Amino acid sequence: MTARSDLILPSRNEAAALPAVLASVPEMFDVIVVDNGSSDDTAAVAARLGAVVVDEPRAGYGAAVHAGVLAATHDVVAVMDADGTIRAAELIGFVERVESGDVDMAVGRRRPMARGVWPWHARAGNALLARWLRHRTGVPVRDLAPVRVCRREQLLSLDVRDRRFGYPVELLVKAQRARWRIEERDIGYHPRAAGTSSKVSGSLTGTVRALRDFAAVLR
């Protein structure tokens, strides 16, 4: 039987998405919503729905994820976006792979479930950077998806320092250097919840900003 794990949801202005997202989380997960400077009711909605709420005022995806990892209490931690694009139930298989000891980290490879769910500029930039990462470091991934599952203490031991969008890249690079066994698994990528907008893929500017942070880690 799969043990309880922590599910970390870095969140900024996701009040509209959280009710549906949290309602679909399997019982095995304890949810940690990290409120990363929201101007809406993200924190209040999360608390009302039973999630642990962590306040991280320092802006940045990496800052939010790191705050969630520090607040986690279980051996295995999972991370995904809070915008409704990922179904938490699909993470059970990821957790099982880590718990089995066969892999050190399971990461998601997004498979769009509807037309237009992954804008061309975000998809192209992601593919380019993933290819660069594979050839430069040997990290066996084709997507820098916001879906990762690993053991909490192992993750903290990597000492990932980036607090912006470069966090996932630094994590993968350091995990590869530490000889982690990394497995990429398909995961459905759905339309965002109504009333929400992506901080990265929702605009060309957001995508360029994220790619800039990604590339900075590889210099």
C-alpha atoms as a PDB file:
ATOM      1  CA  MET A   1       0.000   0.000   0.000  1.00  0.00           C
ATOM      2  CA  THR A   2       1.293   3.438  -0.934  1.00  0.00           C
ATOM      3  CA  ALA A   3       2.234   5.513   2.116  1.00  0.00           C
ATOM      4  CA  ARG A   4       1.026   9.043   2.715  1.00  0.00           C
ATOM      5  CA  SER A   5       2.940  11.716   0.858  1.00  0.00           C
ATOM      6  CA  ASP A   6       2.956  15.496   0.707  1.00  0.00           C
ATOM      7  CA  LEU A   7       1.616  17.267  -2.376  1.00  0.00           C
ATOM      8  CA  ILE A   8       3.081  20.748  -2.780  1.00  0.00           C
ATOM      9  CA  LEU A   9       1.117  23.280  -4.820  1.00  0.00           C
ATOM     10  CA  PRO A  10       3.061  26.510  -5.475  1.00  0.00           C
ATOM     11  CA  SER A  11       0.269  29.038  -5.948  1.00  0.00           C
ATOM     12  CA  ARG A  12      -0.136  32.650  -6.965  1.00  0.00           C
ATOM     13  CA  ASN A  13      -3.677  33.896  -7.529  1.00  0.00           C
ATOM     14  CA  GLU A  14      -5.174  30.416  -7.911  1.00  0.00           C
ATOM     15  CA  ALA A  15      -8.306  30.909  -5.778  1.00  0.00           C
ATOM     16  CA  ALA A  16     -10.541  30.098  -8.757  1.00  0.00           C
ATOM     17  CA  ALA A  17      -8.756  26.840  -9.510  1.00  0.00           C
ATOM     18  CA  LEU A  18      -8.202  25.444  -6.020  1.00  0.00           C
ATOM     19  CA  PRO A  19     -11.707  24.110  -5.235  1.00  0.00           C
ATOM     20  CA  ALA A  20     -11.675  21.687  -8.176  1.00  0.00           C
ATOM     21  CA  VAL A  21      -7.991  20.882  -7.806  1.00  0.00           C
ATOM     22  CA  LEU A  22      -8.209  20.061  -4.097  1.00  0.00           C
ATOM     23  CA  ALA A  23     -11.446  18.112  -4.497  1.00  0.00           C
ATOM     24  CA  SER A  24      -9.692  15.726  -6.884  1.00  0.00           C
ATOM     25  CA  VAL A  25      -6.595  15.044  -4.771  1.00  0.00           C
ATOM     26  CA  PRO A  26      -6.392  11.376  -3.671  1.00  0.00           C
ATOM     27  CA  GLU A  27      -6.636  10.629   0.051  1.00  0.00           C
ATOM     28  CA  MET A  28      -3.001   9.502   0.219  1.00  0.00           C
ATOM     29  CA  PHE A  29      -1.760  13.092  -0.160  1.00  0.00           C
ATOM     30  CA  ASP A  30      -1.512  15.793   2.480  1.00  0.00           C
ATOM     31  CA  VAL A  31      -1.754  19.040   0.533  1.00  0.00           C
ATOM     32  CA  ILE A  32       0.518  22.026   1.130  1.00  0.00           C
ATOM     33  CA  VAL A  33      -0.536  25.187  -0.710  1.00  0.00           C
ATOM     34  CA  VAL A  34       2.261  27.740  -0.826  1.00  0.00           C
ATOM     35  CA  ASP A  35       0.783  31.191  -1.295  1.00  0.00           C
ATOM     36  CA  ASN A  36       3.397  33.102  -3.262  1.00  0.00           C
ATOM     37  CA  GLY A  37       2.215  36.692  -2.912  1.00  0.00           C
ATOM     38  CA  SER A  38      -1.361  36.257  -4.132  1.00  0.00           C
ATOM     39  CA  SER A  39      -3.624  39.282  -4.440  1.00  0.00           C
ATOM     40  CA  ASP A  40      -6.772  37.127  -4.384  1.00  0.00           C
ATOM     41  CA  ASP A  41      -8.173  34.699  -1.777  1.00  0.00           C
ATOM     42  CA  THR A  42      -5.805  31.825  -2.545  1.00  0.00           C
ATOM     43  CA  ALA A  43      -4.751  31.342   1.080  1.00  0.00           C
ATOM     44  CA  ALA A  44      -8.280  31.598   2.493  1.00  0.00           C
ATOM     45  CA  VAL A  45      -9.722  29.184  -0.065  1.00  0.00           C
ATOM     46  CA  ALA A  46      -6.947  26.660   0.534  1.00  0.00           C
ATOM     47  CA  ALA A  47      -7.351  26.820   4.312  1.00  0.00           C
ATOM     48  CA  ARG A  48     -11.124  26.478   4.086  1.00  0.00           C
ATOM     49  CA  LEU A  49     -10.720  23.356   1.976  1.00  0.00           C
ATOM     50  CA  GLY A  50      -8.377  21.705   4.451  1.00  0.00           C
ATOM     51  CA  ALA A  51      -4.937  22.311   2.958  1.00  0.00           C
ATOM     52  CA  VAL A  52      -1.927  23.377   4.977  1.00  0.00           C
ATOM     53  CA  VAL A  53      -1.145  26.937   3.898  1.00  0.00           C
ATOM     54  CA  VAL A  54       2.409  28.264   3.815  1.00  0.00           C
ATOM     55  CA  ASP A  55       3.055  31.946   3.157  1.00  0.00           C
ATOM     56  CA  GLU A  56       6.089  32.661   0.960  1.00  0.00           C
ATOM     57  CA  PRO A  57       6.188  36.392   0.199  1.00  0.00           C
ATOM     58  CA  ARG A  58       9.434  36.174  -1.765  1.00  0.00           C
ATOM     59  CA  ALA A  59       8.307  36.033  -5.394  1.00  0.00           C
ATOM     60  CA  GLY A  60       9.484  33.119  -7.491  1.00  0.00           C
ATOM     61  CA  TYR A  61       8.559  29.552  -8.395  1.00  0.00           C
ATOM     62  CA  GLY A  62      11.668  28.136  -6.735  1.00  0.00           C
ATOM     63  CA  ALA A  63      10.987  30.077  -3.557  1.00  0.00           C
ATOM     64  CA  ALA A  64       7.465  28.659  -3.375  1.00  0.00           C
ATOM     65  CA  VAL A  65       8.540  25.068  -4.017  1.00  0.00           C
ATOM     66  CA  HIS A  66      11.361  25.262  -1.485  1.00  0.00           C
ATOM     67  CA  ALA A  67       9.032  26.662   1.186  1.00  0.00           C
ATOM     68  CA  GLY A  68       6.680  23.751   0.552  1.00  0.00           C
ATOM     69  CA  VAL A  69       9.473  21.188   0.831  1.00  0.00           C
ATOM     70  CA  LEU A  70      10.588  22.689   4.147  1.00  0.00           C
ATOM     71  CA  ALA A  71       7.010  22.471   5.450  1.00  0.00           C
ATOM     72  CA  ALA A  72       6.524  18.864   4.303  1.00  0.00           C
ATOM     73  CA  THR A  73       6.480  16.111   6.917  1.00  0.00           C
ATOM     74  CA  HIS A  74       6.385  12.901   4.864  1.00  0.00           C
ATOM     75  CA  ASP A  75       9.221  10.952   3.289  1.00  0.00           C
ATOM     76  CA  VAL A  76       8.019  11.433  -0.279  1.00  0.00           C
ATOM     77  CA  VAL A  77       7.021  14.807  -1.730  1.00  0.00           C
ATOM     78  CA  ALA A  78       5.219  15.569  -4.980  1.00  0.00           C
ATOM     79  CA  VAL A  79       5.047  18.926  -6.733  1.00  0.00           C
ATOM     80  CA  MET A  80       2.560  20.095  -9.342  1.00  0.00           C
ATOM     81  CA  ASP A  81       0.934  23.333 -10.452  1.00  0.00           C
ATOM     82  CA  ALA A  82      -2.293  24.471  -8.770  1.00  0.00           C
ATOM     83  CA  ASP A  83      -4.020  25.670 -11.940  1.00  0.00           C
ATOM     84  CA  GLY A  84      -5.946  22.518 -12.812  1.00  0.00           C
ATOM     85  CA  THR A  85      -3.723  21.470 -15.722  1.00  0.00           C
ATOM     86  CA  ILE A  86      -2.525  18.320 -13.926  1.00  0.00           C
ATOM     87  CA  ARG A  87      -4.679  15.643 -12.260  1.00  0.00           C
ATOM     88  CA  ALA A  88      -3.227  14.645  -8.895  1.00  0.00           C
ATOM     89  CA  ALA A  89      -4.535  11.096  -9.251  1.00  0.00           C
ATOM     90  CA  GLU A  90      -1.948  10.506 -11.969  1.00  0.00           C
ATOM     91  CA  LEU A  91       0.811  11.145  -9.444  1.00  0.00           C
ATOM     92  CA  ILE A  92       0.084   7.896  -7.601  1.00  0.00           C
ATOM     93  CA  GLY A  93       2.123   5.957 -10.155  1.00  0.00           C
ATOM     94  CA  PHE A  94       4.994   8.424  -9.757  1.00  0.00           C
ATOM     95  CA  VAL A  95       4.975   7.956  -5.986  1.00  0.00           C
ATOM     96  CA  GLU A  96       4.925   4.178  -6.331  1.00  0.00           C
ATOM     97  CA  ARG A  97       8.023   4.262  -8.522  1.00  0.00           C
ATOM     98  CA  VAL A  98       9.928   6.329  -5.950  1.00  0.00           C
ATOM     99  CA  GLU A  99       8.713   4.251  -3.015  1.00  0.00           C
ATOM    100  CA  SER A 100       9.756   1.042  -4.769  1.00  0.00           C
ATOM    101  CA  GLY A 101      13.347   2.241  -4.804  1.00  0.00           C
ATOM    102  CA  ASP A 102      13.584   1.732  -8.565  1.00  0.00           C
ATOM    103  CA  VAL A 103      13.998   5.467  -9.224  1.00  0.00           C
ATOM    104  CA  ASP A 104      15.107   8.458  -7.186  1.00  0.00           C
ATOM    105  CA  MET A 105      12.891  10.954  -8.959  1.00  0.00           C
ATOM    106  CA  ALA A 106       9.906  10.614 -11.288  1.00  0.00           C
ATOM    107  CA  VAL A 107       9.154  13.634 -13.462  1.00  0.00           C
ATOM    108  CA  GLY A 108       6.260  14.412 -15.773  1.00  0.00           C
ATOM    109  CA  ARG A 109       6.250  14.593 -19.557  1.00  0.00           C
ATOM    110  CA  ARG A 110       3.132  16.519 -20.529  1.00  0.00           C
ATOM    111  CA  ARG A 111       0.689  15.111 -23.041  1.00  0.00           C
ATOM    112  CA  PRO A 112      -1.842  17.785 -24.135  1.00  0.00           C
ATOM    113  CA  MET A 113      -5.427  16.614 -23.672  1.00  0.00           C
ATOM    114  CA  ALA A 114      -7.033  19.370 -25.765  1.00  0.00           C
ATOM    115  CA  ARG A 115      -6.125  21.678 -28.624  1.00  0.00           C
ATOM    116  CA  GLY A 116      -4.423  24.881 -27.592  1.00  0.00           C
ATOM    117  CA  VAL A 117      -3.743  23.758 -24.045  1.00  0.00           C
ATOM    118  CA  TRP A 118       0.009  24.205 -24.544  1.00  0.00           C
ATOM    119  CA  PRO A 119       0.749  27.381 -26.588  1.00  0.00           C
ATOM    120  CA  TRP A 120       3.241  26.980 -29.428  1.00  0.00           C
ATOM    121  CA  HIS A 121       5.767  29.421 -27.979  1.00  0.00           C
ATOM    122  CA  ALA A 122       5.861  27.636 -24.627  1.00  0.00           C
ATOM    123  CA  ARG A 123       6.075  24.204 -26.221  1.00  0.00           C
ATOM    124  CA  ALA A 124       8.825  25.213 -28.630  1.00  0.00           C
ATOM    125  CA  GLY A 125      10.896  26.914 -25.960  1.00  0.00           C
ATOM    126  CA  ASN A 126      10.480  23.974 -23.616  1.00  0.00           C
ATOM    127  CA  ALA A 127      11.559  21.472 -26.300  1.00  0.00           C
ATOM    128  CA  LEU A 128      14.614  23.545 -27.223  1.00  0.00           C
ATOM    129  CA  LEU A 129      15.789  23.866 -23.639  1.00  0.00           C
ATOM    130  CA  ALA A 130      15.125  20.195 -22.831  1.00  0.00           C
ATOM    131  CA  ARG A 131      17.217  19.188 -25.833  1.00  0.00           C
ATOM    132  CA  TRP A 132      20.000  21.522 -24.753  1.00  0.00           C
ATOM    133  CA  LEU A 133      19.830  20.053 -21.245  1.00  0.00           C
ATOM    134  CA  ARG A 134      20.012  16.459 -22.528  1.00  0.00           C
ATOM    135  CA  HIS A 135      23.016  17.125 -24.712  1.00  0.00           C
ATOM    136  CA  ARG A 136      24.885  19.238 -22.190  1.00  0.00           C
ATOM    137  CA  THR A 137      24.265  17.249 -19.008  1.00  0.00           C
ATOM    138  CA  GLY A 138      22.786  13.899 -20.003  1.00  0.00           C
ATOM    139  CA  VAL A 139      19.582  14.462 -18.020  1.00  0.00           C
ATOM    140  CA  PRO A 140      17.100  12.040 -19.647  1.00  0.00           C
ATOM    141  CA  VAL A 141      14.099  14.352 -20.039  1.00  0.00           C
ATOM    142  CA  ARG A 142      12.171  15.803 -22.955  1.00  0.00           C
ATOM    143  CA  ASP A 143       9.975  18.145 -20.910  1.00  0.00           C
ATOM    144  CA  LEU A 144      10.715  20.582 -18.079  1.00  0.00           C
ATOM    145  CA  ALA A 145       7.268  19.966 -16.638  1.00  0.00           C
ATOM    146  CA  PRO A 146       6.144  21.265 -13.217  1.00  0.00           C
ATOM    147  CA  VAL A 147       5.629  17.679 -12.024  1.00  0.00           C
ATOM    148  CA  ARG A 148       8.214  15.983  -9.807  1.00  0.00           C
ATOM    149  CA  VAL A 149       8.165  13.290  -7.117  1.00  0.00           C
ATOM    150  CA  CYS A 150      11.137  12.356  -4.940  1.00  0.00           C
ATOM    151  CA  ARG A 151      12.202  11.833  -1.333  1.00  0.00           C
ATOM    152  CA  ARG A 152      12.227  14.985   0.775  1.00  0.00           C
ATOM    153  CA  GLU A 153      15.589  14.487   2.456  1.00  0.00           C
ATOM    154  CA  GLN A 154      17.299  13.617  -0.814  1.00  0.00           C
ATOM    155  CA  LEU A 155      15.866  16.749  -2.380  1.00  0.00           C
ATOM    156  CA  LEU A 156      17.071  18.970   0.435  1.00  0.00           C
ATOM    157  CA  SER A 157      20.534  17.377   0.235  1.00  0.00           C
ATOM    158  CA  LEU A 158      20.913  18.686  -3.337  1.00  0.00           C
ATOM    159  CA  ASP A 159      20.886  22.246  -1.990  1.00  0.00           C
ATOM    160  CA  VAL A 160      19.013  23.751  -4.942  1.00  0.00           C
ATOM    161  CA  ARG A 161      19.545  27.517  -4.705  1.00  0.00           C
ATOM    162  CA  ASP A 162      17.563  29.054  -7.562  1.00  0.00           C
ATOM    163  CA  ARG A 163      14.373  30.717  -6.342  1.00  0.00           C
ATOM    164  CA  ARG A 164      12.916  31.699  -9.690  1.00  0.00           C
ATOM    165  CA  PHE A 165      11.919  29.686 -12.764  1.00  0.00           C
ATOM    166  CA  GLY A 166      15.399  28.177 -12.997  1.00  0.00           C
ATOM    167  CA  TYR A 167      14.642  25.911 -10.031  1.00  0.00           C
ATOM    168  CA  PRO A 168      13.572  22.835 -12.072  1.00  0.00           C
ATOM    169  CA  VAL A 169      16.661  23.031 -14.280  1.00  0.00           C
ATOM    170  CA  GLU A 170      19.064  23.372 -11.350  1.00  0.00           C
ATOM    171  CA  LEU A 171      17.314  20.469  -9.621  1.00  0.00           C
ATOM    172  CA  LEU A 172      17.690  18.217 -12.665  1.00  0.00           C
ATOM    173  CA  VAL A 173      21.329  19.169 -13.200  1.00  0.00           C
ATOM    174  CA  LYS A 174      22.260  18.559  -9.565  1.00  0.00           C
ATOM    175  CA  ALA A 175      20.283  15.312  -9.453  1.00  0.00           C
ATOM    176  CA  GLN A 176      22.131  14.088 -12.542  1.00  0.00           C
ATOM    177  CA  ARG A 177      25.498  14.984 -11.008  1.00  0.00           C
ATOM    178  CA  ALA A 178      24.492  13.123  -7.849  1.00  0.00           C
ATOM    179  CA  ARG A 179      23.748  10.075 -10.024  1.00  0.00           C
ATOM    180  CA  TRP A 180      20.042  10.030  -9.243  1.00  0.00           C
ATOM    181  CA  ARG A 181      17.987   7.597 -11.268  1.00  0.00           C
ATOM    182  CA  ILE A 182      15.528   9.893 -13.055  1.00  0.00           C
ATOM    183  CA  GLU A 183      12.475   8.532 -14.820  1.00  0.00           C
ATOM    184  CA  GLU A 184      10.249  10.591 -17.094  1.00  0.00           C
ATOM    185  CA  ARG A 185       6.604   9.492 -17.233  1.00  0.00           C
ATOM    186  CA  ASP A 186       3.708  10.678 -19.368  1.00  0.00           C
ATOM    187  CA  ILE A 187       1.069  12.775 -17.647  1.00  0.00           C
ATOM    188  CA  GLY A 188      -2.064  14.393 -19.049  1.00  0.00           C
ATOM    189  CA  TYR A 189      -1.981  18.167 -19.528  1.00  0.00           C
ATOM    190  CA  HIS A 190      -5.452  19.717 -19.365  1.00  0.00           C
ATOM    191  CA  PRO A 191      -6.917  23.184 -19.956  1.00  0.00           C
ATOM    192  CA  ARG A 192      -6.408  25.603 -17.094  1.00  0.00           C
ATOM    193  CA  ALA A 193      -9.247  26.195 -14.668  1.00  0.00           C
ATOM    194  CA  ALA A 194     -11.660  28.966 -15.633  1.00  0.00           C
ATOM    195  CA  GLY A 195     -10.605  32.373 -14.434  1.00  0.00           C
ATOM    196  CA  THR A 196      -6.899  31.577 -14.227  1.00  0.00           C
ATOM    197  CA  SER A 197      -3.966  32.477 -16.446  1.00  0.00           C
ATOM    198  CA  SER A 198      -0.492  31.011 -16.737  1.00  0.00           C
ATOM    199  CA  LYS A 199       2.445  32.967 -15.349  1.00  0.00           C
ATOM    200  CA  VAL A 200       4.731  31.305 -17.908  1.00  0.00           C
ATOM    201  CA  SER A 201       3.020  29.840 -20.971  1.00  0.00           C
ATOM    202  CA  GLY A 202       0.129  32.295 -20.979  1.00  0.00           C
ATOM    203  CA  SER A 203       2.197  34.919 -22.790  1.00  0.00           C
ATOM    204  CA  LEU A 204       5.291  35.134 -24.949  1.00  0.00           C
ATOM    205  CA  THR A 205       6.824  37.493 -22.374  1.00  0.00           C
ATOM    206  CA  GLY A 206       6.285  34.992 -19.579  1.00  0.00           C
ATOM    207  CA  THR A 207       7.808  32.203 -21.635  1.00  0.00           C
ATOM    208  CA  VAL A 208      10.884  34.281 -22.508  1.00  0.00           C
ATOM    209  CA  ARG A 209      11.338  35.240 -18.854  1.00  0.00           C
ATOM    210  CA  ALA A 210      11.205  31.598 -17.779  1.00  0.00           C
ATOM    211  CA  LEU A 211      13.612  30.493 -20.503  1.00  0.00           C
ATOM    212  CA  ARG A 212      16.015  33.219 -19.444  1.00  0.00           C
ATOM    213  CA  ASP A 213      15.974  31.879 -15.878  1.00  0.00           C
ATOM    214  CA  PHE A 214      16.402  28.314 -17.165  1.00  0.00           C
ATOM    215  CA  ALA A 215      19.372  29.243 -19.330  1.00  0.00           C
ATOM    216  CA  ALA A 216      21.061  31.184 -16.532  1.00  0.00           C
ATOM    217  CA  VAL A 217      21.385  27.963 -14.525  1.00  0.00           C
ATOM    218  CA  LEU A 218      23.281  26.287 -17.387  1.00  0.00           C
ATOM    219  CA  ARG A 219      25.884  29.008 -17.888  1.00  0.00           C
END
